[in-house]
Amino acid sequence: MIRHALLFAVLLGAPMFGFAKDFKHIQVLFFEVGAVKPFAQSELPVEQLPDTFQIETTLHIGNDDWMVSEAIPSSKAEFRKTGKVTIRLFKPTKLTVPPSTILYSLPTITDDAPALVNAPSLENVLVVHEDDWRQVELVSATDVQAVQSEVASVRQILDTQRVANSGYRSIHVRKLIPEPLLSVSLSLVDLKRAFGTSHEYTGVAFSKAAAIIVGGFAFRSSNGWIVWGQSKPDGTILAACFRLEQGPNPATDAGLATLLSSRQLLFVDWTHLVVLPRAAK
């Protein structure tokens, strides 16, 4: 993976330059995680700042390397408008722990991953965690038996491997559905027609790589969901994923129900064991 790194030479106590009216220079405040006051501040040309801090970012300040825990705002498009960004950092440390004590944060992941490619810009790119790939997705109804088998395996992890609220002792790696939409001719136009579009991203990146998914797409639907995934050059969808922090319950969404029915699809949330339509369970 390509590491997203940024080199800063920050002089503690250095005088601040005046703001340009169009915020070509950005006031940057550096806080150690948990601190109330910044330990450094500087004013930097906007071009020297990354397009987004949502990608894992390392800063070199003085003689030390720091990892960015949080940046507010997190994207160049935002702090170009505000003229200011607050960055909270921590010094990475190496810990040695027995492998037997390591827990998984999720009960399941898929064993495939899309190819990545360098991008000239990461502005207006949706950033997701690698483990989010195909966790909530559309699957062809012809794969219903494979879906049922995978659901049973995930349920076993949930029932037998959960450690209180800490995680899971083991994880199920899904392998039975390598191409979830192979038998479905579903296009990006179809998805946008089904859900509406309130915002369209220029691509999709994983949080640990300064690169975008080959053929990646993402848009915010009219109901507040993020619909994202990968398509072929002709627009045919290879994988369609969902982020559901906002918007209605999928079980009650009419647009989703119509799409599933008309295109013979299943909506599967693998970590919560939700399969729609429910009769397909």
C-alpha atoms as a PDB file:
ATOM      1  CA  MET A   1       0.000   0.000   0.000  1.00  0.00           C
ATOM      2  CA  ILE A   2       1.070   3.546  -0.654  1.00  0.00           C
ATOM      3  CA  ARG A   3       1.603   5.452   2.577  1.00  0.00           C
ATOM      4  CA  HIS A   4       0.171   8.935   2.822  1.00  0.00           C
ATOM      5  CA  ALA A   5       2.925  11.006   4.424  1.00  0.00           C
ATOM      6  CA  LEU A   6       3.464  14.718   4.742  1.00  0.00           C
ATOM      7  CA  LEU A   7       6.626  16.522   5.803  1.00  0.00           C
ATOM      8  CA  PHE A   8       6.348  19.631   7.961  1.00  0.00           C
ATOM      9  CA  ALA A   9       9.095  21.888   9.281  1.00  0.00           C
ATOM     10  CA  VAL A  10       7.303  23.656  12.119  1.00  0.00           C
ATOM     11  CA  LEU A  11       9.102  26.271  14.145  1.00  0.00           C
ATOM     12  CA  LEU A  12       7.651  26.542  17.640  1.00  0.00           C
ATOM     13  CA  GLY A  13       6.733  30.105  18.433  1.00  0.00           C
ATOM     14  CA  ALA A  14       7.350  31.294  14.876  1.00  0.00           C
ATOM     15  CA  PRO A  15       5.437  34.451  13.964  1.00  0.00           C
ATOM     16  CA  MET A  16       2.196  34.011  12.069  1.00  0.00           C
ATOM     17  CA  PHE A  17       1.734  35.449   8.625  1.00  0.00           C
ATOM     18  CA  GLY A  18      -1.358  37.466   7.816  1.00  0.00           C
ATOM     19  CA  PHE A  19      -4.306  35.654   6.286  1.00  0.00           C
ATOM     20  CA  ALA A  20      -4.844  36.059   2.593  1.00  0.00           C
ATOM     21  CA  LYS A  21      -8.419  36.938   1.760  1.00  0.00           C
ATOM     22  CA  ASP A  22      -8.818  33.879  -0.417  1.00  0.00           C
ATOM     23  CA  PHE A  23      -7.109  31.697   2.213  1.00  0.00           C
ATOM     24  CA  LYS A  24      -4.191  30.692   0.078  1.00  0.00           C
ATOM     25  CA  HIS A  25      -2.449  30.259   3.426  1.00  0.00           C
ATOM     26  CA  ILE A  26      -4.006  28.162   6.174  1.00  0.00           C
ATOM     27  CA  GLN A  27      -3.544  28.640   9.917  1.00  0.00           C
ATOM     28  CA  VAL A  28      -2.592  25.228  11.322  1.00  0.00           C
ATOM     29  CA  LEU A  29      -2.864  24.490  15.059  1.00  0.00           C
ATOM     30  CA  PHE A  30      -1.149  21.336  16.346  1.00  0.00           C
ATOM     31  CA  PHE A  31      -2.486  19.665  19.503  1.00  0.00           C
ATOM     32  CA  GLU A  32      -1.274  16.513  21.165  1.00  0.00           C
ATOM     33  CA  VAL A  33      -4.244  14.206  21.737  1.00  0.00           C
ATOM     34  CA  GLY A  34      -5.847  15.134  25.066  1.00  0.00           C
ATOM     35  CA  ALA A  35      -4.111  18.527  25.345  1.00  0.00           C
ATOM     36  CA  VAL A  36      -6.030  21.778  25.779  1.00  0.00           C
ATOM     37  CA  LYS A  37      -3.423  24.101  24.258  1.00  0.00           C
ATOM     38  CA  PRO A  38      -1.563  23.687  20.955  1.00  0.00           C
ATOM     39  CA  PHE A  39       2.121  22.820  21.145  1.00  0.00           C
ATOM     40  CA  ALA A  40       2.808  24.411  17.767  1.00  0.00           C
ATOM     41  CA  GLN A  41       1.184  26.609  15.172  1.00  0.00           C
ATOM     42  CA  SER A  42       2.101  27.729  11.727  1.00  0.00           C
ATOM     43  CA  GLU A  43       0.679  29.190   8.574  1.00  0.00           C
ATOM     44  CA  LEU A  44       1.189  27.116   5.458  1.00  0.00           C
ATOM     45  CA  PRO A  45       0.362  27.514   1.772  1.00  0.00           C
ATOM     46  CA  VAL A  46      -2.783  25.517   1.090  1.00  0.00           C
ATOM     47  CA  GLU A  47      -0.904  23.590  -1.611  1.00  0.00           C
ATOM     48  CA  GLN A  48       1.387  22.093   1.058  1.00  0.00           C
ATOM     49  CA  LEU A  49      -1.517  20.537   2.917  1.00  0.00           C
ATOM     50  CA  PRO A  50      -3.005  17.183   1.899  1.00  0.00           C
ATOM     51  CA  ASP A  51      -6.316  16.997   0.065  1.00  0.00           C
ATOM     52  CA  THR A  52      -7.746  15.083   3.017  1.00  0.00           C
ATOM     53  CA  PHE A  53      -6.590  14.074   6.481  1.00  0.00           C
ATOM     54  CA  GLN A  54      -8.945  11.096   6.429  1.00  0.00           C
ATOM     55  CA  ILE A  55      -6.140   9.155   4.760  1.00  0.00           C
ATOM     56  CA  GLU A  56      -3.638   7.872   7.332  1.00  0.00           C
ATOM     57  CA  THR A  57      -1.167  10.734   7.638  1.00  0.00           C
ATOM     58  CA  THR A  58       2.272  11.053   9.238  1.00  0.00           C
ATOM     59  CA  LEU A  59       3.714  14.490  10.029  1.00  0.00           C
ATOM     60  CA  HIS A  60       7.360  15.204  10.795  1.00  0.00           C
ATOM     61  CA  ILE A  61       7.463  18.046  13.330  1.00  0.00           C
ATOM     62  CA  GLY A  62      10.826  19.110  14.699  1.00  0.00           C
ATOM     63  CA  ASN A  63      12.690  15.831  15.151  1.00  0.00           C
ATOM     64  CA  ASP A  64       9.663  13.620  15.746  1.00  0.00           C
ATOM     65  CA  ASP A  65       7.122  11.701  13.688  1.00  0.00           C
ATOM     66  CA  TRP A  66       3.480  12.180  14.656  1.00  0.00           C
ATOM     67  CA  MET A  67       0.340  10.400  13.469  1.00  0.00           C
ATOM     68  CA  VAL A  68      -2.784  12.433  12.790  1.00  0.00           C
ATOM     69  CA  SER A  69      -5.633  11.292  15.018  1.00  0.00           C
ATOM     70  CA  GLU A  70      -8.117  13.923  13.860  1.00  0.00           C
ATOM     71  CA  ALA A  71      -8.231  17.080  11.769  1.00  0.00           C
ATOM     72  CA  ILE A  72     -11.027  19.651  11.873  1.00  0.00           C
ATOM     73  CA  PRO A  73     -11.980  20.302   9.166  1.00  0.00           C
ATOM     74  CA  SER A  74     -10.586  17.204   7.493  1.00  0.00           C
ATOM     75  CA  SER A  75     -10.535  18.173   3.811  1.00  0.00           C
ATOM     76  CA  LYS A  76      -8.768  20.825   1.790  1.00  0.00           C
ATOM     77  CA  ALA A  77     -12.092  21.865   0.262  1.00  0.00           C
ATOM     78  CA  GLU A  78     -13.287  22.780   3.768  1.00  0.00           C
ATOM     79  CA  PHE A  79     -10.218  24.440   5.304  1.00  0.00           C
ATOM     80  CA  ARG A  80      -9.616  26.408   2.123  1.00  0.00           C
ATOM     81  CA  LYS A  81     -12.918  28.119   2.979  1.00  0.00           C
ATOM     82  CA  THR A  82     -12.314  28.505   6.733  1.00  0.00           C
ATOM     83  CA  GLY A  83      -8.621  29.432   6.551  1.00  0.00           C
ATOM     84  CA  LYS A  84      -7.895  27.273   9.580  1.00  0.00           C
ATOM     85  CA  VAL A  85      -7.358  23.629  10.477  1.00  0.00           C
ATOM     86  CA  THR A  86      -6.898  22.032  13.903  1.00  0.00           C
ATOM     87  CA  ILE A  87      -4.831  18.839  13.936  1.00  0.00           C
ATOM     88  CA  ARG A  88      -4.670  16.425  16.866  1.00  0.00           C
ATOM     89  CA  LEU A  89      -1.684  14.093  16.862  1.00  0.00           C
ATOM     90  CA  PHE A  90      -0.024  11.305  18.795  1.00  0.00           C
ATOM     91  CA  LYS A  91       3.427   9.750  18.692  1.00  0.00           C
ATOM     92  CA  PRO A  92       3.215   6.173  17.391  1.00  0.00           C
ATOM     93  CA  THR A  93       4.554   3.523  19.747  1.00  0.00           C
ATOM     94  CA  LYS A  94       5.292  -0.141  19.217  1.00  0.00           C
ATOM     95  CA  LEU A  95       3.608  -2.571  21.567  1.00  0.00           C
ATOM     96  CA  THR A  96       4.391  -6.240  21.881  1.00  0.00           C
ATOM     97  CA  VAL A  97       1.357  -8.317  22.829  1.00  0.00           C
ATOM     98  CA  PRO A  98       0.740 -12.068  22.684  1.00  0.00           C
ATOM     99  CA  PRO A  99      -1.116 -13.000  19.463  1.00  0.00           C
ATOM    100  CA  SER A 100      -3.641 -14.927  21.536  1.00  0.00           C
ATOM    101  CA  THR A 101      -4.832 -11.683  23.145  1.00  0.00           C
ATOM    102  CA  ILE A 102      -5.540  -9.887  19.860  1.00  0.00           C
ATOM    103  CA  LEU A 103      -9.236  -9.540  19.075  1.00  0.00           C
ATOM    104  CA  TYR A 104     -10.948  -8.778  15.787  1.00  0.00           C
ATOM    105  CA  SER A 105     -13.199  -5.735  15.680  1.00  0.00           C
ATOM    106  CA  LEU A 106     -15.587  -7.333  13.173  1.00  0.00           C
ATOM    107  CA  PRO A 107     -17.118 -10.804  12.909  1.00  0.00           C
ATOM    108  CA  THR A 108     -16.537 -11.039   9.160  1.00  0.00           C
ATOM    109  CA  ILE A 109     -14.754  -9.579   6.146  1.00  0.00           C
ATOM    110  CA  THR A 110     -14.603 -10.555   2.492  1.00  0.00           C
ATOM    111  CA  ASP A 111     -11.398 -12.028   1.086  1.00  0.00           C
ATOM    112  CA  ASP A 112     -11.325  -9.885  -2.067  1.00  0.00           C
ATOM    113  CA  ALA A 113     -10.154  -6.300  -2.439  1.00  0.00           C
ATOM    114  CA  PRO A 114     -10.357  -3.916  -5.401  1.00  0.00           C
ATOM    115  CA  ALA A 115      -7.259  -2.711  -7.219  1.00  0.00           C
ATOM    116  CA  LEU A 116      -5.980   0.770  -6.377  1.00  0.00           C
ATOM    117  CA  VAL A 117      -4.391   3.454  -8.537  1.00  0.00           C
ATOM    118  CA  ASN A 118      -2.650   6.744  -7.768  1.00  0.00           C
ATOM    119  CA  ALA A 119      -4.782   9.838  -8.220  1.00  0.00           C
ATOM    120  CA  PRO A 120      -3.711  13.404  -9.042  1.00  0.00           C
ATOM    121  CA  SER A 121      -6.081  14.679  -6.349  1.00  0.00           C
ATOM    122  CA  LEU A 122      -7.970  13.267  -3.378  1.00  0.00           C
ATOM    123  CA  GLU A 123     -10.326  16.219  -3.078  1.00  0.00           C
ATOM    124  CA  ASN A 124     -13.985  15.195  -3.037  1.00  0.00           C
ATOM    125  CA  VAL A 125     -13.013  11.534  -2.654  1.00  0.00           C
ATOM    126  CA  LEU A 126     -14.998   9.321  -0.285  1.00  0.00           C
ATOM    127  CA  VAL A 127     -12.636   7.775   2.281  1.00  0.00           C
ATOM    128  CA  VAL A 128     -13.641   4.451   3.842  1.00  0.00           C
ATOM    129  CA  HIS A 129     -11.920   1.835   5.977  1.00  0.00           C
ATOM    130  CA  GLU A 130     -10.617  -1.174   4.071  1.00  0.00           C
ATOM    131  CA  ASP A 131     -12.747  -3.479   6.222  1.00  0.00           C
ATOM    132  CA  ASP A 132     -15.897  -1.685   5.017  1.00  0.00           C
ATOM    133  CA  TRP A 133     -15.465  -3.198   1.559  1.00  0.00           C
ATOM    134  CA  ARG A 134     -18.584  -5.279   0.783  1.00  0.00           C
ATOM    135  CA  GLN A 135     -19.848  -5.295   4.376  1.00  0.00           C
ATOM    136  CA  VAL A 136     -23.248  -3.900   3.354  1.00  0.00           C
ATOM    137  CA  GLU A 137     -23.907  -4.738  -0.269  1.00  0.00           C
ATOM    138  CA  LEU A 138     -26.135  -5.880  -3.108  1.00  0.00           C
ATOM    139  CA  VAL A 139     -25.908  -9.527  -4.155  1.00  0.00           C
ATOM    140  CA  SER A 140     -27.600 -11.336  -7.026  1.00  0.00           C
ATOM    141  CA  ALA A 141     -30.577 -13.394  -5.823  1.00  0.00           C
ATOM    142  CA  THR A 142     -29.139 -16.341  -7.754  1.00  0.00           C
ATOM    143  CA  ASP A 143     -26.539 -16.553  -4.967  1.00  0.00           C
ATOM    144  CA  VAL A 144     -29.157 -16.969  -2.226  1.00  0.00           C
ATOM    145  CA  GLN A 145     -27.824 -20.367  -1.100  1.00  0.00           C
ATOM    146  CA  ALA A 146     -24.290 -18.994  -0.803  1.00  0.00           C
ATOM    147  CA  VAL A 147     -25.677 -16.019   1.143  1.00  0.00           C
ATOM    148  CA  GLN A 148     -27.469 -18.360   3.552  1.00  0.00           C
ATOM    149  CA  SER A 149     -24.304 -20.397   4.060  1.00  0.00           C
ATOM    150  CA  GLU A 150     -22.177 -17.310   4.735  1.00  0.00           C
ATOM    151  CA  VAL A 151     -24.816 -15.901   7.106  1.00  0.00           C
ATOM    152  CA  ALA A 152     -24.729 -19.152   9.085  1.00  0.00           C
ATOM    153  CA  SER A 153     -20.940 -18.902   9.397  1.00  0.00           C
ATOM    154  CA  VAL A 154     -21.108 -15.284  10.567  1.00  0.00           C
ATOM    155  CA  ARG A 155     -23.832 -16.164  13.070  1.00  0.00           C
ATOM    156  CA  GLN A 156     -21.553 -18.817  14.550  1.00  0.00           C
ATOM    157  CA  ILE A 157     -18.869 -16.168  15.111  1.00  0.00           C
ATOM    158  CA  LEU A 158     -21.405 -13.867  16.748  1.00  0.00           C
ATOM    159  CA  ASP A 159     -22.729 -16.641  18.977  1.00  0.00           C
ATOM    160  CA  THR A 160     -19.468 -18.281  20.021  1.00  0.00           C
ATOM    161  CA  GLN A 161     -16.542 -15.906  19.504  1.00  0.00           C
ATOM    162  CA  ARG A 162     -17.756 -12.596  20.911  1.00  0.00           C
ATOM    163  CA  VAL A 163     -15.794 -11.242  23.901  1.00  0.00           C
ATOM    164  CA  ALA A 164     -18.196  -8.947  25.766  1.00  0.00           C
ATOM    165  CA  ASN A 165     -17.996  -5.571  23.973  1.00  0.00           C
ATOM    166  CA  SER A 166     -14.304  -5.934  23.128  1.00  0.00           C
ATOM    167  CA  GLY A 167     -14.338  -7.862  19.855  1.00  0.00           C
ATOM    168  CA  TYR A 168     -14.115 -11.398  18.489  1.00  0.00           C
ATOM    169  CA  ARG A 169     -11.586 -14.186  19.062  1.00  0.00           C
ATOM    170  CA  SER A 170     -11.858 -15.266  15.422  1.00  0.00           C
ATOM    171  CA  ILE A 171     -13.284 -13.912  12.196  1.00  0.00           C
ATOM    172  CA  HIS A 172     -15.161 -15.431   9.266  1.00  0.00           C
ATOM    173  CA  VAL A 173     -13.638 -14.634   5.873  1.00  0.00           C
ATOM    174  CA  ARG A 174     -16.330 -14.777   3.194  1.00  0.00           C
ATOM    175  CA  LYS A 175     -15.242 -16.590   0.003  1.00  0.00           C
ATOM    176  CA  LEU A 176     -18.412 -18.056  -1.511  1.00  0.00           C
ATOM    177  CA  ILE A 177     -19.487 -14.939  -3.453  1.00  0.00           C
ATOM    178  CA  PRO A 178     -16.402 -13.493  -5.162  1.00  0.00           C
ATOM    179  CA  GLU A 179     -18.507 -11.616  -7.745  1.00  0.00           C
ATOM    180  CA  PRO A 180     -21.755 -10.499  -6.089  1.00  0.00           C
ATOM    181  CA  LEU A 181     -23.344  -9.017  -9.217  1.00  0.00           C
ATOM    182  CA  LEU A 182     -21.960 -11.340 -11.882  1.00  0.00           C
ATOM    183  CA  SER A 183     -25.360 -12.433 -13.184  1.00  0.00           C
ATOM    184  CA  VAL A 184     -26.951  -8.971 -12.904  1.00  0.00           C
ATOM    185  CA  SER A 185     -26.645  -6.246 -15.506  1.00  0.00           C
ATOM    186  CA  LEU A 186     -26.768  -3.332 -13.080  1.00  0.00           C
ATOM    187  CA  SER A 187     -25.377   0.058 -14.038  1.00  0.00           C
ATOM    188  CA  LEU A 188     -24.410   3.178 -12.120  1.00  0.00           C
ATOM    189  CA  VAL A 189     -27.283   4.936 -13.897  1.00  0.00           C
ATOM    190  CA  ASP A 190     -29.648   2.312 -12.449  1.00  0.00           C
ATOM    191  CA  LEU A 191     -28.396   2.969  -8.916  1.00  0.00           C
ATOM    192  CA  LYS A 192     -28.706   6.732  -9.222  1.00  0.00           C
ATOM    193  CA  ARG A 193     -32.183   6.387 -10.663  1.00  0.00           C
ATOM    194  CA  ALA A 194     -33.245   4.104  -7.808  1.00  0.00           C
ATOM    195  CA  PHE A 195     -31.899   6.248  -4.950  1.00  0.00           C
ATOM    196  CA  GLY A 196     -31.492   9.766  -6.329  1.00  0.00           C
ATOM    197  CA  THR A 197     -28.304  11.789  -5.953  1.00  0.00           C
ATOM    198  CA  SER A 198     -27.668  14.740  -3.653  1.00  0.00           C
ATOM    199  CA  HIS A 199     -23.870  14.707  -3.976  1.00  0.00           C
ATOM    200  CA  GLU A 200     -21.449  12.812  -6.197  1.00  0.00           C
ATOM    201  CA  TYR A 201     -17.859  12.014  -5.203  1.00  0.00           C
ATOM    202  CA  THR A 202     -15.028  11.790  -7.707  1.00  0.00           C
ATOM    203  CA  GLY A 203     -13.806   8.441  -6.385  1.00  0.00           C
ATOM    204  CA  VAL A 204     -13.256   6.179  -3.382  1.00  0.00           C
ATOM    205  CA  ALA A 205     -10.098   5.728  -1.293  1.00  0.00           C
ATOM    206  CA  PHE A 206      -9.206   3.486   1.624  1.00  0.00           C
ATOM    207  CA  SER A 207      -8.033   5.233   4.780  1.00  0.00           C
ATOM    208  CA  LYS A 208      -4.576   3.608   4.762  1.00  0.00           C
ATOM    209  CA  ALA A 209      -3.630   4.397   1.157  1.00  0.00           C
ATOM    210  CA  ALA A 210      -3.277   7.630  -0.804  1.00  0.00           C
ATOM    211  CA  ALA A 211      -4.826   5.982  -3.849  1.00  0.00           C
ATOM    212  CA  ILE A 212      -8.303   5.432  -5.256  1.00  0.00           C
ATOM    213  CA  ILE A 213     -10.207   2.304  -6.236  1.00  0.00           C
ATOM    214  CA  VAL A 214      -9.945   1.509  -9.929  1.00  0.00           C
ATOM    215  CA  GLY A 215     -13.420   2.176 -11.288  1.00  0.00           C
ATOM    216  CA  GLY A 216     -14.572   3.400  -7.884  1.00  0.00           C
ATOM    217  CA  PHE A 217     -17.768   5.436  -7.567  1.00  0.00           C
ATOM    218  CA  ALA A 218     -19.645   7.032  -4.694  1.00  0.00           C
ATOM    219  CA  PHE A 219     -22.647   9.289  -4.230  1.00  0.00           C
ATOM    220  CA  ARG A 220     -24.919  10.451  -1.442  1.00  0.00           C
ATOM    221  CA  SER A 221     -28.451   9.339  -2.158  1.00  0.00           C
ATOM    222  CA  SER A 222     -31.494  11.540  -1.772  1.00  0.00           C
ATOM    223  CA  ASN A 223     -32.391   9.711   1.453  1.00  0.00           C
ATOM    224  CA  GLY A 224     -28.968  10.287   3.039  1.00  0.00           C
ATOM    225  CA  TRP A 225     -27.236   6.967   2.382  1.00  0.00           C
ATOM    226  CA  ILE A 226     -23.767   6.781   0.867  1.00  0.00           C
ATOM    227  CA  VAL A 227     -23.798   4.385  -2.088  1.00  0.00           C
ATOM    228  CA  TRP A 228     -20.336   3.366  -3.249  1.00  0.00           C
ATOM    229  CA  GLY A 229     -18.443   0.578  -4.940  1.00  0.00           C
ATOM    230  CA  GLN A 230     -16.715  -0.363  -8.169  1.00  0.00           C
ATOM    231  CA  SER A 231     -17.808  -0.407 -11.795  1.00  0.00           C
ATOM    232  CA  LYS A 232     -16.420  -1.418 -15.147  1.00  0.00           C
ATOM    233  CA  PRO A 233     -15.447   1.233 -17.725  1.00  0.00           C
ATOM    234  CA  ASP A 234     -18.867   0.765 -19.394  1.00  0.00           C
ATOM    235  CA  GLY A 235     -20.638   1.600 -16.110  1.00  0.00           C
ATOM    236  CA  THR A 236     -21.648  -1.953 -15.206  1.00  0.00           C
ATOM    237  CA  ILE A 237     -21.487  -2.393 -11.445  1.00  0.00           C
ATOM    238  CA  LEU A 238     -19.078  -4.962  -9.991  1.00  0.00           C
ATOM    239  CA  ALA A 239     -19.864  -4.222  -6.342  1.00  0.00           C
ATOM    240  CA  ALA A 240     -22.403  -1.883  -4.742  1.00  0.00           C
ATOM    241  CA  CYS A 241     -21.868  -1.039  -1.068  1.00  0.00           C
ATOM    242  CA  PHE A 242     -23.754   1.150   1.391  1.00  0.00           C
ATOM    243  CA  ARG A 243     -22.994   3.403   4.345  1.00  0.00           C
ATOM    244  CA  LEU A 244     -26.150   3.812   6.396  1.00  0.00           C
ATOM    245  CA  GLU A 245     -25.292   6.221   9.246  1.00  0.00           C
ATOM    246  CA  GLN A 246     -28.041   8.536   7.988  1.00  0.00           C
ATOM    247  CA  GLY A 247     -31.297   7.877   6.226  1.00  0.00           C
ATOM    248  CA  PRO A 248     -34.137   5.397   6.663  1.00  0.00           C
ATOM    249  CA  ASN A 249     -34.052   1.777   7.756  1.00  0.00           C
ATOM    250  CA  PRO A 250     -33.338  -0.291   4.611  1.00  0.00           C
ATOM    251  CA  ALA A 251     -36.255  -2.581   5.503  1.00  0.00           C
ATOM    252  CA  THR A 252     -38.702   0.300   5.036  1.00  0.00           C
ATOM    253  CA  ASP A 253     -37.136   2.096   2.070  1.00  0.00           C
ATOM    254  CA  ALA A 254     -39.408   1.924  -0.983  1.00  0.00           C
ATOM    255  CA  GLY A 255     -36.659   2.718  -3.484  1.00  0.00           C
ATOM    256  CA  LEU A 256     -34.509  -0.151  -2.255  1.00  0.00           C
ATOM    257  CA  ALA A 257     -37.468  -2.550  -2.221  1.00  0.00           C
ATOM    258  CA  THR A 258     -38.310  -1.665  -5.815  1.00  0.00           C
ATOM    259  CA  LEU A 259     -34.720  -2.138  -6.963  1.00  0.00           C
ATOM    260  CA  LEU A 260     -34.414  -5.526  -5.227  1.00  0.00           C
ATOM    261  CA  SER A 261     -37.672  -6.750  -6.725  1.00  0.00           C
ATOM    262  CA  SER A 262     -37.150  -5.468 -10.260  1.00  0.00           C
ATOM    263  CA  ARG A 263     -33.533  -6.624 -10.599  1.00  0.00           C
ATOM    264  CA  GLN A 264     -33.680  -9.848  -8.557  1.00  0.00           C
ATOM    265  CA  LEU A 265     -31.248  -8.636  -5.939  1.00  0.00           C
ATOM    266  CA  LEU A 266     -30.599  -9.182  -2.259  1.00  0.00           C
ATOM    267  CA  PHE A 267     -29.514  -6.482   0.169  1.00  0.00           C
ATOM    268  CA  VAL A 268     -27.104  -8.016   2.691  1.00  0.00           C
ATOM    269  CA  ASP A 269     -25.670  -6.445   5.837  1.00  0.00           C
ATOM    270  CA  TRP A 270     -23.110  -9.086   6.780  1.00  0.00           C
ATOM    271  CA  THR A 271     -22.135  -7.824  10.225  1.00  0.00           C
ATOM    272  CA  HIS A 272     -25.737  -7.422  11.431  1.00  0.00           C
ATOM    273  CA  LEU A 273     -27.095 -10.454   9.530  1.00  0.00           C
ATOM    274  CA  VAL A 274     -29.776  -8.519   7.685  1.00  0.00           C
ATOM    275  CA  VAL A 275     -30.943  -9.968   4.370  1.00  0.00           C
ATOM    276  CA  LEU A 276     -33.637  -8.236   2.318  1.00  0.00           C
ATOM    277  CA  PRO A 277     -36.154  -9.142   1.175  1.00  0.00           C
ATOM    278  CA  ARG A 278     -36.623 -11.036   4.416  1.00  0.00           C
ATOM    279  CA  ALA A 279     -38.403 -13.908   2.701  1.00  0.00           C
ATOM    280  CA  ALA A 280     -35.058 -14.764   1.094  1.00  0.00           C
ATOM    281  CA  LYS A 281     -33.530 -15.703   4.454  1.00  0.00           C
END
